[in-house]
Amino acid sequence: MPELKDKTPSATYKKSARIISDYENDMIFEQPREGLLKQEFTSYEVQENGNIKIVKTTRKYHPIGDGYDDVTATEILAV
């Protein structure tokens, strides 16, 4: 298996629903907008020991106001 290198995310978005932020999840998810309820991002990674690591991040937007809550869950599938 080829050696995997760590990568630091870097992004700039020109869409009005996105912002430039030091908070990593803001580079994945949109900022609150009318009608937006929830967004999810799932990452699947093969670990050195052969297990599969699943990381799921969910952003739920508050129905009233401009807020949101981010939740990250990690699951390990042993192979």
C-alpha atoms as a PDB file:
ATOM      1  CA  MET A   1       0.000   0.000   0.000  1.00  0.00           C
ATOM      2  CA  PRO A   2       1.435   3.444  -0.876  1.00  0.00           C
ATOM      3  CA  GLU A   3       2.335   5.761   1.979  1.00  0.00           C
ATOM      4  CA  LEU A   4      -0.407   8.292   2.745  1.00  0.00           C
ATOM      5  CA  LYS A   5       0.616  11.858   3.532  1.00  0.00           C
ATOM      6  CA  ASP A   6      -1.240  14.275   5.780  1.00  0.00           C
ATOM      7  CA  LYS A   7      -2.799  17.157   3.873  1.00  0.00           C
ATOM      8  CA  THR A   8      -3.833  20.490   5.310  1.00  0.00           C
ATOM      9  CA  PRO A   9      -7.112  21.725   3.817  1.00  0.00           C
ATOM     10  CA  SER A  10      -7.110  25.118   2.162  1.00  0.00           C
ATOM     11  CA  ALA A  11     -10.046  26.619   0.344  1.00  0.00           C
ATOM     12  CA  THR A  12     -11.609  29.858  -0.802  1.00  0.00           C
ATOM     13  CA  TYR A  13     -15.252  29.986  -1.862  1.00  0.00           C
ATOM     14  CA  LYS A  14     -16.950  32.677  -3.876  1.00  0.00           C
ATOM     15  CA  LYS A  15     -20.535  31.548  -3.198  1.00  0.00           C
ATOM     16  CA  SER A  16     -22.401  33.898  -0.894  1.00  0.00           C
ATOM     17  CA  ALA A  17     -23.441  31.043   1.400  1.00  0.00           C
ATOM     18  CA  ARG A  18     -19.794  30.228   2.209  1.00  0.00           C
ATOM     19  CA  ILE A  19     -17.279  32.112   4.307  1.00  0.00           C
ATOM     20  CA  ILE A  20     -13.533  32.057   4.837  1.00  0.00           C
ATOM     21  CA  SER A  21     -12.891  30.721   8.322  1.00  0.00           C
ATOM     22  CA  ASP A  22     -10.279  28.998  10.469  1.00  0.00           C
ATOM     23  CA  TYR A  23     -13.002  26.567  11.611  1.00  0.00           C
ATOM     24  CA  GLU A  24     -12.473  23.433   9.476  1.00  0.00           C
ATOM     25  CA  ASN A  25     -16.193  22.576   9.158  1.00  0.00           C
ATOM     26  CA  ASP A  26     -16.899  25.982   7.588  1.00  0.00           C
ATOM     27  CA  MET A  27     -14.803  24.872   4.590  1.00  0.00           C
ATOM     28  CA  ILE A  28     -17.180  21.914   4.089  1.00  0.00           C
ATOM     29  CA  PHE A  29     -20.623  23.241   4.989  1.00  0.00           C
ATOM     30  CA  GLU A  30     -22.677  26.264   4.002  1.00  0.00           C
ATOM     31  CA  GLN A  31     -23.652  29.013   6.386  1.00  0.00           C
ATOM     32  CA  PRO A  32     -27.329  29.200   7.411  1.00  0.00           C
ATOM     33  CA  ARG A  33     -29.770  30.182   4.682  1.00  0.00           C
ATOM     34  CA  GLU A  34     -33.529  30.010   4.286  1.00  0.00           C
ATOM     35  CA  GLY A  35     -34.822  26.484   3.790  1.00  0.00           C
ATOM     36  CA  LEU A  36     -31.552  24.712   4.639  1.00  0.00           C
ATOM     37  CA  LEU A  37     -32.142  22.092   7.351  1.00  0.00           C
ATOM     38  CA  LYS A  38     -29.157  19.730   7.462  1.00  0.00           C
ATOM     39  CA  GLN A  39     -25.937  18.759   5.644  1.00  0.00           C
ATOM     40  CA  GLU A  40     -23.720  15.684   6.086  1.00  0.00           C
ATOM     41  CA  PHE A  41     -20.142  14.833   5.119  1.00  0.00           C
ATOM     42  CA  THR A  42     -18.764  11.287   5.411  1.00  0.00           C
ATOM     43  CA  SER A  43     -15.109  10.292   5.106  1.00  0.00           C
ATOM     44  CA  TYR A  44     -13.858   6.690   4.733  1.00  0.00           C
ATOM     45  CA  GLU A  45     -10.201   6.005   5.566  1.00  0.00           C
ATOM     46  CA  VAL A  46      -8.152   2.792   5.524  1.00  0.00           C
ATOM     47  CA  GLN A  47      -5.919   2.706   8.586  1.00  0.00           C
ATOM     48  CA  GLU A  48      -2.416   1.191   8.715  1.00  0.00           C
ATOM     49  CA  ASN A  49      -3.748  -1.910  10.502  1.00  0.00           C
ATOM     50  CA  GLY A  50      -6.320  -2.506   7.719  1.00  0.00           C
ATOM     51  CA  ASN A  51      -9.348  -1.295   9.676  1.00  0.00           C
ATOM     52  CA  ILE A  52     -11.715   1.192   8.071  1.00  0.00           C
ATOM     53  CA  LYS A  53     -12.341   4.478   9.886  1.00  0.00           C
ATOM     54  CA  ILE A  54     -15.630   6.225   9.068  1.00  0.00           C
ATOM     55  CA  VAL A  55     -15.972   9.845  10.174  1.00  0.00           C
ATOM     56  CA  LYS A  56     -19.410  11.441   9.697  1.00  0.00           C
ATOM     57  CA  THR A  57     -19.914  15.143  10.370  1.00  0.00           C
ATOM     58  CA  THR A  58     -23.447  16.525  10.423  1.00  0.00           C
ATOM     59  CA  ARG A  59     -24.455  20.182  10.523  1.00  0.00           C
ATOM     60  CA  LYS A  60     -28.049  20.803  11.677  1.00  0.00           C
ATOM     61  CA  TYR A  61     -29.325  24.329  11.150  1.00  0.00           C
ATOM     62  CA  HIS A  62     -31.617  26.026  13.648  1.00  0.00           C
ATOM     63  CA  PRO A  63     -35.053  26.622  12.115  1.00  0.00           C
ATOM     64  CA  ILE A  64     -35.234  30.082  13.705  1.00  0.00           C
ATOM     65  CA  GLY A  65     -32.149  32.279  13.658  1.00  0.00           C
ATOM     66  CA  ASP A  66     -28.740  31.983  12.101  1.00  0.00           C
ATOM     67  CA  GLY A  67     -27.249  29.223  14.224  1.00  0.00           C
ATOM     68  CA  TYR A  68     -26.238  25.625  13.678  1.00  0.00           C
ATOM     69  CA  ASP A  69     -24.822  22.658  15.579  1.00  0.00           C
ATOM     70  CA  ASP A  70     -22.000  20.446  14.254  1.00  0.00           C
ATOM     71  CA  VAL A  71     -21.686  16.843  15.441  1.00  0.00           C
ATOM     72  CA  THR A  72     -18.908  14.412  14.464  1.00  0.00           C
ATOM     73  CA  ALA A  73     -19.147  10.649  14.982  1.00  0.00           C
ATOM     74  CA  THR A  74     -16.353   8.145  14.352  1.00  0.00           C
ATOM     75  CA  GLU A  75     -16.844   4.431  13.675  1.00  0.00           C
ATOM     76  CA  ILE A  76     -14.101   1.809  13.267  1.00  0.00           C
ATOM     77  CA  LEU A  77     -14.808  -1.268  11.130  1.00  0.00           C
ATOM     78  CA  ALA A  78     -12.410  -4.054  12.073  1.00  0.00           C
ATOM     79  CA  VAL A  79     -11.328  -6.129   9.106  1.00  0.00           C
END
